[in-house]
Amino acid sequence: MQAMWDKQFEALLRHRLPLLSSGDELSADTNLREFGLDSMGAVELLSALESDYSVQFDEEALVLDTFNTPGALWAALSAARPTS
């Protein structure tokens, strides 16, 4: 199944999920906390996403729910990206 996000996003996310093995599939509803994303990891991930994608998340997106699943995080990132 094709993921809804790009490879860069998945690589950034996997780097901050210490309990996710390289063979584990990352789906839109994977619980990120279950795979080791803690508050420090979420801050690092937020910073990396803003830097790599040249975006700034709205304050409304800076809530725990945004970091629950890859799908929620990708939706917040997509909303922060400028439309061309």
PDB file of N, CA and C in Angstrom:
ATOM      1  N   MET A   1       0.840  -1.192   0.000  1.00  0.00           N
ATOM      2  CA  MET A   1       0.000   0.000   0.000  1.00  0.00           C
ATOM      3  C   MET A   1       0.885   1.256   0.000  1.00  0.00           C
ATOM      4  N   GLN A   2       0.541   2.202  -0.830  1.00  0.00           N
ATOM      5  CA  GLN A   2       1.289   3.445  -0.948  1.00  0.00           C
ATOM      6  C   GLN A   2       0.935   4.380   0.201  1.00  0.00           C
ATOM      7  N   ALA A   3       1.958   4.893   0.856  1.00  0.00           N
ATOM      8  CA  ALA A   3       1.728   5.823   1.965  1.00  0.00           C
ATOM      9  C   ALA A   3       1.220   7.160   1.427  1.00  0.00           C
ATOM     10  N   MET A   4       0.541   7.893   2.295  1.00  0.00           N
ATOM     11  CA  MET A   4      -0.002   9.191   1.895  1.00  0.00           C
ATOM     12  C   MET A   4       1.041  10.307   1.979  1.00  0.00           C
ATOM     13  N   TRP A   5       2.233   9.982   2.475  1.00  0.00           N
ATOM     14  CA  TRP A   5       3.282  10.983   2.660  1.00  0.00           C
ATOM     15  C   TRP A   5       4.515  10.617   1.853  1.00  0.00           C
ATOM     16  N   ASP A   6       5.482  11.531   1.821  1.00  0.00           N
ATOM     17  CA  ASP A   6       6.689  11.284   1.049  1.00  0.00           C
ATOM     18  C   ASP A   6       7.765  10.582   1.889  1.00  0.00           C
ATOM     19  N   LYS A   7       8.823  10.162   1.206  1.00  0.00           N
ATOM     20  CA  LYS A   7       9.892   9.391   1.869  1.00  0.00           C
ATOM     21  C   LYS A   7      10.636  10.217   2.904  1.00  0.00           C
ATOM     22  N   GLN A   8      10.779  11.500   2.661  1.00  0.00           N
ATOM     23  CA  GLN A   8      11.474  12.380   3.605  1.00  0.00           C
ATOM     24  C   GLN A   8      10.734  12.415   4.949  1.00  0.00           C
ATOM     25  N   PHE A   9       9.416  12.547   4.891  1.00  0.00           N
ATOM     26  CA  PHE A   9       8.588  12.566   6.103  1.00  0.00           C
ATOM     27  C   PHE A   9       8.752  11.255   6.866  1.00  0.00           C
ATOM     28  N   GLU A  10       8.666  10.136   6.140  1.00  0.00           N
ATOM     29  CA  GLU A  10       8.779   8.838   6.795  1.00  0.00           C
ATOM     30  C   GLU A  10      10.154   8.674   7.439  1.00  0.00           C
ATOM     31  N   ALA A  11      11.203   9.121   6.754  1.00  0.00           N
ATOM     32  CA  ALA A  11      12.559   9.001   7.305  1.00  0.00           C
ATOM     33  C   ALA A  11      12.703   9.831   8.581  1.00  0.00           C
ATOM     34  N   LEU A  12      12.184  11.056   8.574  1.00  0.00           N
ATOM     35  CA  LEU A  12      12.244  11.906   9.771  1.00  0.00           C
ATOM     36  C   LEU A  12      11.491  11.269  10.925  1.00  0.00           C
ATOM     37  N   LEU A  13      10.349  10.694  10.619  1.00  0.00           N
ATOM     38  CA  LEU A  13       9.519  10.068  11.645  1.00  0.00           C
ATOM     39  C   LEU A  13      10.183   8.810  12.202  1.00  0.00           C
ATOM     40  N   ARG A  14      10.640   7.942  11.318  1.00  0.00           N
ATOM     41  CA  ARG A  14      11.271   6.693  11.759  1.00  0.00           C
ATOM     42  C   ARG A  14      12.502   6.963  12.632  1.00  0.00           C
ATOM     43  N   HIS A  15      13.222   8.009  12.330  1.00  0.00           N
ATOM     44  CA  HIS A  15      14.426   8.358  13.094  1.00  0.00           C
ATOM     45  C   HIS A  15      14.098   8.632  14.570  1.00  0.00           C
ATOM     46  N   ARG A  16      12.858   9.048  14.830  1.00  0.00           N
ATOM     47  CA  ARG A  16      12.462   9.401  16.198  1.00  0.00           C
ATOM     48  C   ARG A  16      11.543   8.369  16.844  1.00  0.00           C
ATOM     49  N   LEU A  17      11.484   7.182  16.259  1.00  0.00           N
ATOM     50  CA  LEU A  17      10.657   6.092  16.802  1.00  0.00           C
ATOM     51  C   LEU A  17      11.556   4.907  17.149  1.00  0.00           C
ATOM     52  N   PRO A  18      12.178   4.940  18.319  1.00  0.00           N
ATOM     53  CA  PRO A  18      13.153   3.909  18.674  1.00  0.00           C
ATOM     54  C   PRO A  18      12.585   2.498  18.787  1.00  0.00           C
ATOM     55  N   LEU A  19      11.284   2.359  18.985  1.00  0.00           N
ATOM     56  CA  LEU A  19      10.699   1.035  19.150  1.00  0.00           C
ATOM     57  C   LEU A  19      10.128   0.469  17.848  1.00  0.00           C
ATOM     58  N   LEU A  20      10.282   1.200  16.751  1.00  0.00           N
ATOM     59  CA  LEU A  20       9.804   0.756  15.445  1.00  0.00           C
ATOM     60  C   LEU A  20      10.977   0.157  14.690  1.00  0.00           C
ATOM     61  N   SER A  21      10.900  -1.110  14.346  1.00  0.00           N
ATOM     62  CA  SER A  21      12.000  -1.726  13.610  1.00  0.00           C
ATOM     63  C   SER A  21      11.908  -1.361  12.137  1.00  0.00           C
ATOM     64  N   SER A  22      13.009  -1.506  11.429  1.00  0.00           N
ATOM     65  CA  SER A  22      13.052  -1.108  10.024  1.00  0.00           C
ATOM     66  C   SER A  22      12.056  -1.891   9.175  1.00  0.00           C
ATOM     67  N   GLY A  23      11.688  -3.097   9.613  1.00  0.00           N
ATOM     68  CA  GLY A  23      10.733  -3.901   8.860  1.00  0.00           C
ATOM     69  C   GLY A  23       9.280  -3.596   9.173  1.00  0.00           C
ATOM     70  N   ASP A  24       9.025  -2.841  10.236  1.00  0.00           N
ATOM     71  CA  ASP A  24       7.649  -2.509  10.617  1.00  0.00           C
ATOM     72  C   ASP A  24       7.058  -1.484   9.659  1.00  0.00           C
ATOM     73  N   GLU A  25       5.802  -1.725   9.279  1.00  0.00           N
ATOM     74  CA  GLU A  25       5.115  -0.770   8.415  1.00  0.00           C
ATOM     75  C   GLU A  25       4.626   0.403   9.252  1.00  0.00           C
ATOM     76  N   LEU A  26       4.720   1.576   8.677  1.00  0.00           N
ATOM     77  CA  LEU A  26       4.223   2.785   9.315  1.00  0.00           C
ATOM     78  C   LEU A  26       2.940   3.163   8.600  1.00  0.00           C
ATOM     79  N   SER A  27       1.802   3.029   9.268  1.00  0.00           N
ATOM     80  CA  SER A  27       0.527   3.353   8.637  1.00  0.00           C
ATOM     81  C   SER A  27       0.010   4.681   9.185  1.00  0.00           C
ATOM     82  N   ALA A  28      -1.027   5.203   8.551  1.00  0.00           N
ATOM     83  CA  ALA A  28      -1.579   6.504   8.940  1.00  0.00           C
ATOM     84  C   ALA A  28      -2.074   6.508  10.376  1.00  0.00           C
ATOM     85  N   ASP A  29      -2.478   5.332  10.888  1.00  0.00           N
ATOM     86  CA  ASP A  29      -3.019   5.285  12.246  1.00  0.00           C
ATOM     87  C   ASP A  29      -2.091   4.619  13.260  1.00  0.00           C
ATOM     88  N   THR A  30      -0.818   4.468  12.923  1.00  0.00           N
ATOM     89  CA  THR A  30       0.162   3.943  13.876  1.00  0.00           C
ATOM     90  C   THR A  30       0.244   4.878  15.075  1.00  0.00           C
ATOM     91  N   ASN A  31       0.165   4.325  16.284  1.00  0.00           N
ATOM     92  CA  ASN A  31       0.262   5.144  17.490  1.00  0.00           C
ATOM     93  C   ASN A  31       1.743   5.452  17.735  1.00  0.00           C
ATOM     94  N   LEU A  32       2.126   6.701  17.534  1.00  0.00           N
ATOM     95  CA  LEU A  32       3.540   7.082  17.617  1.00  0.00           C
ATOM     96  C   LEU A  32       4.105   6.941  19.023  1.00  0.00           C
ATOM     97  N   ARG A  33       3.289   7.183  20.040  1.00  0.00           N
ATOM     98  CA  ARG A  33       3.785   7.045  21.411  1.00  0.00           C
ATOM     99  C   ARG A  33       4.122   5.590  21.739  1.00  0.00           C
ATOM    100  N   GLU A  34       3.337   4.662  21.185  1.00  0.00           N
ATOM    101  CA  GLU A  34       3.610   3.236  21.418  1.00  0.00           C
ATOM    102  C   GLU A  34       4.960   2.815  20.841  1.00  0.00           C
ATOM    103  N   PHE A  35       5.429   3.549  19.858  1.00  0.00           N
ATOM    104  CA  PHE A  35       6.715   3.234  19.231  1.00  0.00           C
ATOM    105  C   PHE A  35       7.835   4.151  19.704  1.00  0.00           C
ATOM    106  N   GLY A  36       7.594   4.860  20.821  1.00  0.00           N
ATOM    107  CA  GLY A  36       8.671   5.573  21.487  1.00  0.00           C
ATOM    108  C   GLY A  36       8.767   7.062  21.268  1.00  0.00           C
ATOM    109  N   LEU A  37       7.786   7.674  20.597  1.00  0.00           N
ATOM    110  CA  LEU A  37       7.855   9.129  20.433  1.00  0.00           C
ATOM    111  C   LEU A  37       7.450   9.782  21.749  1.00  0.00           C
ATOM    112  N   ASP A  38       8.413  10.413  22.409  1.00  0.00           N
ATOM    113  CA  ASP A  38       8.133  11.118  23.661  1.00  0.00           C
ATOM    114  C   ASP A  38       8.072  12.616  23.389  1.00  0.00           C
ATOM    115  N   SER A  39       7.897  13.407  24.436  1.00  0.00           N
ATOM    116  CA  SER A  39       7.739  14.853  24.244  1.00  0.00           C
ATOM    117  C   SER A  39       8.993  15.481  23.645  1.00  0.00           C
ATOM    118  N   MET A  40      10.171  15.030  24.069  1.00  0.00           N
ATOM    119  CA  MET A  40      11.405  15.563  23.494  1.00  0.00           C
ATOM    120  C   MET A  40      11.515  15.196  22.015  1.00  0.00           C
ATOM    121  N   GLY A  41      11.162  13.954  21.691  1.00  0.00           N
ATOM    122  CA  GLY A  41      11.177  13.520  20.297  1.00  0.00           C
ATOM    123  C   GLY A  41      10.202  14.309  19.449  1.00  0.00           C
ATOM    124  N   ALA A  42       9.041  14.639  20.027  1.00  0.00           N
ATOM    125  CA  ALA A  42       8.039  15.421  19.303  1.00  0.00           C
ATOM    126  C   ALA A  42       8.560  16.824  19.002  1.00  0.00           C
ATOM    127  N   VAL A  43       9.252  17.429  19.959  1.00  0.00           N
ATOM    128  CA  VAL A  43       9.834  18.763  19.745  1.00  0.00           C
ATOM    129  C   VAL A  43      10.910  18.696  18.662  1.00  0.00           C
ATOM    130  N   GLU A  44      11.763  17.666  18.719  1.00  0.00           N
ATOM    131  CA  GLU A  44      12.807  17.497  17.700  1.00  0.00           C
ATOM    132  C   GLU A  44      12.188  17.264  16.324  1.00  0.00           C
ATOM    133  N   LEU A  45      11.134  16.452  16.296  1.00  0.00           N
ATOM    134  CA  LEU A  45      10.458  16.164  15.038  1.00  0.00           C
ATOM    135  C   LEU A  45       9.817  17.422  14.471  1.00  0.00           C
ATOM    136  N   LEU A  46       9.174  18.190  15.312  1.00  0.00           N
ATOM    137  CA  LEU A  46       8.559  19.451  14.882  1.00  0.00           C
ATOM    138  C   LEU A  46       9.610  20.372  14.265  1.00  0.00           C
ATOM    139  N   SER A  47      10.732  20.507  14.930  1.00  0.00           N
ATOM    140  CA  SER A  47      11.806  21.364  14.439  1.00  0.00           C
ATOM    141  C   SER A  47      12.341  20.858  13.097  1.00  0.00           C
ATOM    142  N   ALA A  48      12.538  19.552  12.993  1.00  0.00           N
ATOM    143  CA  ALA A  48      13.055  18.970  11.749  1.00  0.00           C
ATOM    144  C   ALA A  48      12.064  19.156  10.606  1.00  0.00           C
ATOM    145  N   LEU A  49      10.790  18.957  10.876  1.00  0.00           N
ATOM    146  CA  LEU A  49       9.774  19.130   9.834  1.00  0.00           C
ATOM    147  C   LEU A  49       9.711  20.577   9.369  1.00  0.00           C
ATOM    148  N   GLU A  50       9.733  21.509  10.327  1.00  0.00           N
ATOM    149  CA  GLU A  50       9.688  22.926   9.954  1.00  0.00           C
ATOM    150  C   GLU A  50      10.910  23.302   9.125  1.00  0.00           C
ATOM    151  N   SER A  51      12.066  22.792   9.505  1.00  0.00           N
ATOM    152  CA  SER A  51      13.295  23.099   8.783  1.00  0.00           C
ATOM    153  C   SER A  51      13.315  22.462   7.393  1.00  0.00           C
ATOM    154  N   ASP A  52      13.047  21.168   7.335  1.00  0.00           N
ATOM    155  CA  ASP A  52      13.149  20.445   6.065  1.00  0.00           C
ATOM    156  C   ASP A  52      12.073  20.839   5.065  1.00  0.00           C
ATOM    157  N   TYR A  53      10.901  21.192   5.550  1.00  0.00           N
ATOM    158  CA  TYR A  53       9.808  21.544   4.649  1.00  0.00           C
ATOM    159  C   TYR A  53       9.590  23.063   4.544  1.00  0.00           C
ATOM    160  N   SER A  54      10.434  23.842   5.205  1.00  0.00           N
ATOM    161  CA  SER A  54      10.340  25.303   5.165  1.00  0.00           C
ATOM    162  C   SER A  54       8.931  25.792   5.504  1.00  0.00           C
ATOM    163  N   VAL A  55       8.411  25.294   6.615  1.00  0.00           N
ATOM    164  CA  VAL A  55       7.074  25.689   7.075  1.00  0.00           C
ATOM    165  C   VAL A  55       7.140  26.086   8.541  1.00  0.00           C
ATOM    166  N   GLN A  56       6.067  26.683   8.998  1.00  0.00           N
ATOM    167  CA  GLN A  56       5.886  26.952  10.425  1.00  0.00           C
ATOM    168  C   GLN A  56       4.494  26.474  10.789  1.00  0.00           C
ATOM    169  N   PHE A  57       4.435  25.586  11.789  1.00  0.00           N
ATOM    170  CA  PHE A  57       3.137  25.072  12.213  1.00  0.00           C
ATOM    171  C   PHE A  57       2.365  26.161  12.939  1.00  0.00           C
ATOM    172  N   ASP A  58       1.037  26.212  12.704  1.00  0.00           N
ATOM    173  CA  ASP A  58       0.161  27.113  13.444  1.00  0.00           C
ATOM    174  C   ASP A  58       0.103  26.653  14.897  1.00  0.00           C
ATOM    175  N   GLU A  59      -0.164  27.586  15.794  1.00  0.00           N
ATOM    176  CA  GLU A  59      -0.262  27.225  17.208  1.00  0.00           C
ATOM    177  C   GLU A  59      -1.321  26.165  17.456  1.00  0.00           C
ATOM    178  N   GLU A  60      -2.395  26.179  16.657  1.00  0.00           N
ATOM    179  CA  GLU A  60      -3.461  25.188  16.826  1.00  0.00           C
ATOM    180  C   GLU A  60      -2.949  23.763  16.581  1.00  0.00           C
ATOM    181  N   ALA A  61      -1.893  23.633  15.782  1.00  0.00           N
ATOM    182  CA  ALA A  61      -1.340  22.314  15.466  1.00  0.00           C
ATOM    183  C   ALA A  61      -0.396  21.809  16.548  1.00  0.00           C
ATOM    184  N   LEU A  62       0.009  22.686  17.458  1.00  0.00           N
ATOM    185  CA  LEU A  62       0.985  22.311  18.479  1.00  0.00           C
ATOM    186  C   LEU A  62       0.303  21.704  19.702  1.00  0.00           C
ATOM    187  N   VAL A  63      -0.407  20.621  19.454  1.00  0.00           N
ATOM    188  CA  VAL A  63      -1.098  19.892  20.514  1.00  0.00           C
ATOM    189  C   VAL A  63      -0.723  18.415  20.410  1.00  0.00           C
ATOM    190  N   LEU A  64      -0.912  17.691  21.498  1.00  0.00           N
ATOM    191  CA  LEU A  64      -0.537  16.273  21.509  1.00  0.00           C
ATOM    192  C   LEU A  64      -1.238  15.465  20.425  1.00  0.00           C
ATOM    193  N   ASP A  65      -2.491  15.792  20.122  1.00  0.00           N
ATOM    194  CA  ASP A  65      -3.228  15.032  19.106  1.00  0.00           C
ATOM    195  C   ASP A  65      -2.528  15.041  17.753  1.00  0.00           C
ATOM    196  N   THR A  66      -1.848  16.132  17.431  1.00  0.00           N
ATOM    197  CA  THR A  66      -1.129  16.230  16.164  1.00  0.00           C
ATOM    198  C   THR A  66      -0.047  15.165  16.073  1.00  0.00           C
ATOM    199  N   PHE A  67       0.527  14.798  17.206  1.00  0.00           N
ATOM    200  CA  PHE A  67       1.637  13.850  17.226  1.00  0.00           C
ATOM    201  C   PHE A  67       1.202  12.432  17.603  1.00  0.00           C
ATOM    202  N   ASN A  68      -0.113  12.152  17.565  1.00  0.00           N
ATOM    203  CA  ASN A  68      -0.612  10.811  17.888  1.00  0.00           C
ATOM    204  C   ASN A  68      -0.304   9.794  16.803  1.00  0.00           C
ATOM    205  N   THR A  69      -0.499  10.205  15.537  1.00  0.00           N
ATOM    206  CA  THR A  69      -0.349   9.282  14.418  1.00  0.00           C
ATOM    207  C   THR A  69       0.354   9.974  13.256  1.00  0.00           C
ATOM    208  N   PRO A  70       0.971   9.193  12.360  1.00  0.00           N
ATOM    209  CA  PRO A  70       1.559   9.797  11.162  1.00  0.00           C
ATOM    210  C   PRO A  70       0.521  10.538  10.327  1.00  0.00           C
ATOM    211  N   GLY A  71      -0.705   9.993  10.256  1.00  0.00           N
ATOM    212  CA  GLY A  71      -1.749  10.647   9.466  1.00  0.00           C
ATOM    213  C   GLY A  71      -2.090  12.036   9.989  1.00  0.00           C
ATOM    214  N   ALA A  72      -2.224  12.164  11.303  1.00  0.00           N
ATOM    215  CA  ALA A  72      -2.532  13.464  11.903  1.00  0.00           C
ATOM    216  C   ALA A  72      -1.385  14.441  11.703  1.00  0.00           C
ATOM    217  N   LEU A  73      -0.167  13.947  11.844  1.00  0.00           N
ATOM    218  CA  LEU A  73       0.998  14.818  11.687  1.00  0.00           C
ATOM    219  C   LEU A  73       1.157  15.261  10.239  1.00  0.00           C
ATOM    220  N   TRP A  74       0.957  14.335   9.296  1.00  0.00           N
ATOM    221  CA  TRP A  74       1.057  14.685   7.874  1.00  0.00           C
ATOM    222  C   TRP A  74      -0.027  15.697   7.501  1.00  0.00           C
ATOM    223  N   ALA A  75      -1.234  15.542   8.049  1.00  0.00           N
ATOM    224  CA  ALA A  75      -2.315  16.496   7.773  1.00  0.00           C
ATOM    225  C   ALA A  75      -1.944  17.892   8.281  1.00  0.00           C
ATOM    226  N   ALA A  76      -1.348  17.967   9.466  1.00  0.00           N
ATOM    227  CA  ALA A  76      -0.928  19.264  10.013  1.00  0.00           C
ATOM    228  C   ALA A  76       0.199  19.867   9.170  1.00  0.00           C
ATOM    229  N   LEU A  77       1.131  19.024   8.739  1.00  0.00           N
ATOM    230  CA  LEU A  77       2.217  19.508   7.885  1.00  0.00           C
ATOM    231  C   LEU A  77       1.665  19.990   6.561  1.00  0.00           C
ATOM    232  N   SER A  78       0.758  19.240   5.979  1.00  0.00           N
ATOM    233  CA  SER A  78       0.164  19.628   4.693  1.00  0.00           C
ATOM    234  C   SER A  78      -0.578  20.950   4.810  1.00  0.00           C
ATOM    235  N   ALA A  79      -1.272  21.152   5.934  1.00  0.00           N
ATOM    236  CA  ALA A  79      -1.999  22.404   6.153  1.00  0.00           C
ATOM    237  C   ALA A  79      -1.050  23.591   6.304  1.00  0.00           C
ATOM    238  N   ALA A  80       0.158  23.317   6.820  1.00  0.00           N
ATOM    239  CA  ALA A  80       1.131  24.392   7.029  1.00  0.00           C
ATOM    240  C   ALA A  80       1.887  24.740   5.753  1.00  0.00           C
ATOM    241  N   ARG A  81       1.869  23.846   4.782  1.00  0.00           N
ATOM    242  CA  ARG A  81       2.610  24.084   3.551  1.00  0.00           C
ATOM    243  C   ARG A  81       1.860  25.050   2.651  1.00  0.00           C
ATOM    244  N   PRO A  82       2.583  25.940   1.993  1.00  0.00           N
ATOM    245  CA  PRO A  82       1.915  26.888   1.104  1.00  0.00           C
ATOM    246  C   PRO A  82       1.334  26.160  -0.117  1.00  0.00           C
ATOM    247  N   THR A  83       0.202  26.617  -0.563  1.00  0.00           N
ATOM    248  CA  THR A  83      -0.384  26.027  -1.763  1.00  0.00           C
ATOM    249  C   THR A  83       0.152  26.776  -2.976  1.00  0.00           C
ATOM    250  N   SER A  84       0.445  26.012  -4.007  1.00  0.00           N
ATOM    251  CA  SER A  84       1.025  26.669  -5.188  1.00  0.00           C
ATOM    252  C   SER A  84       0.005  26.935  -6.249  1.00  0.00           C
TER     253      SER A  84
END
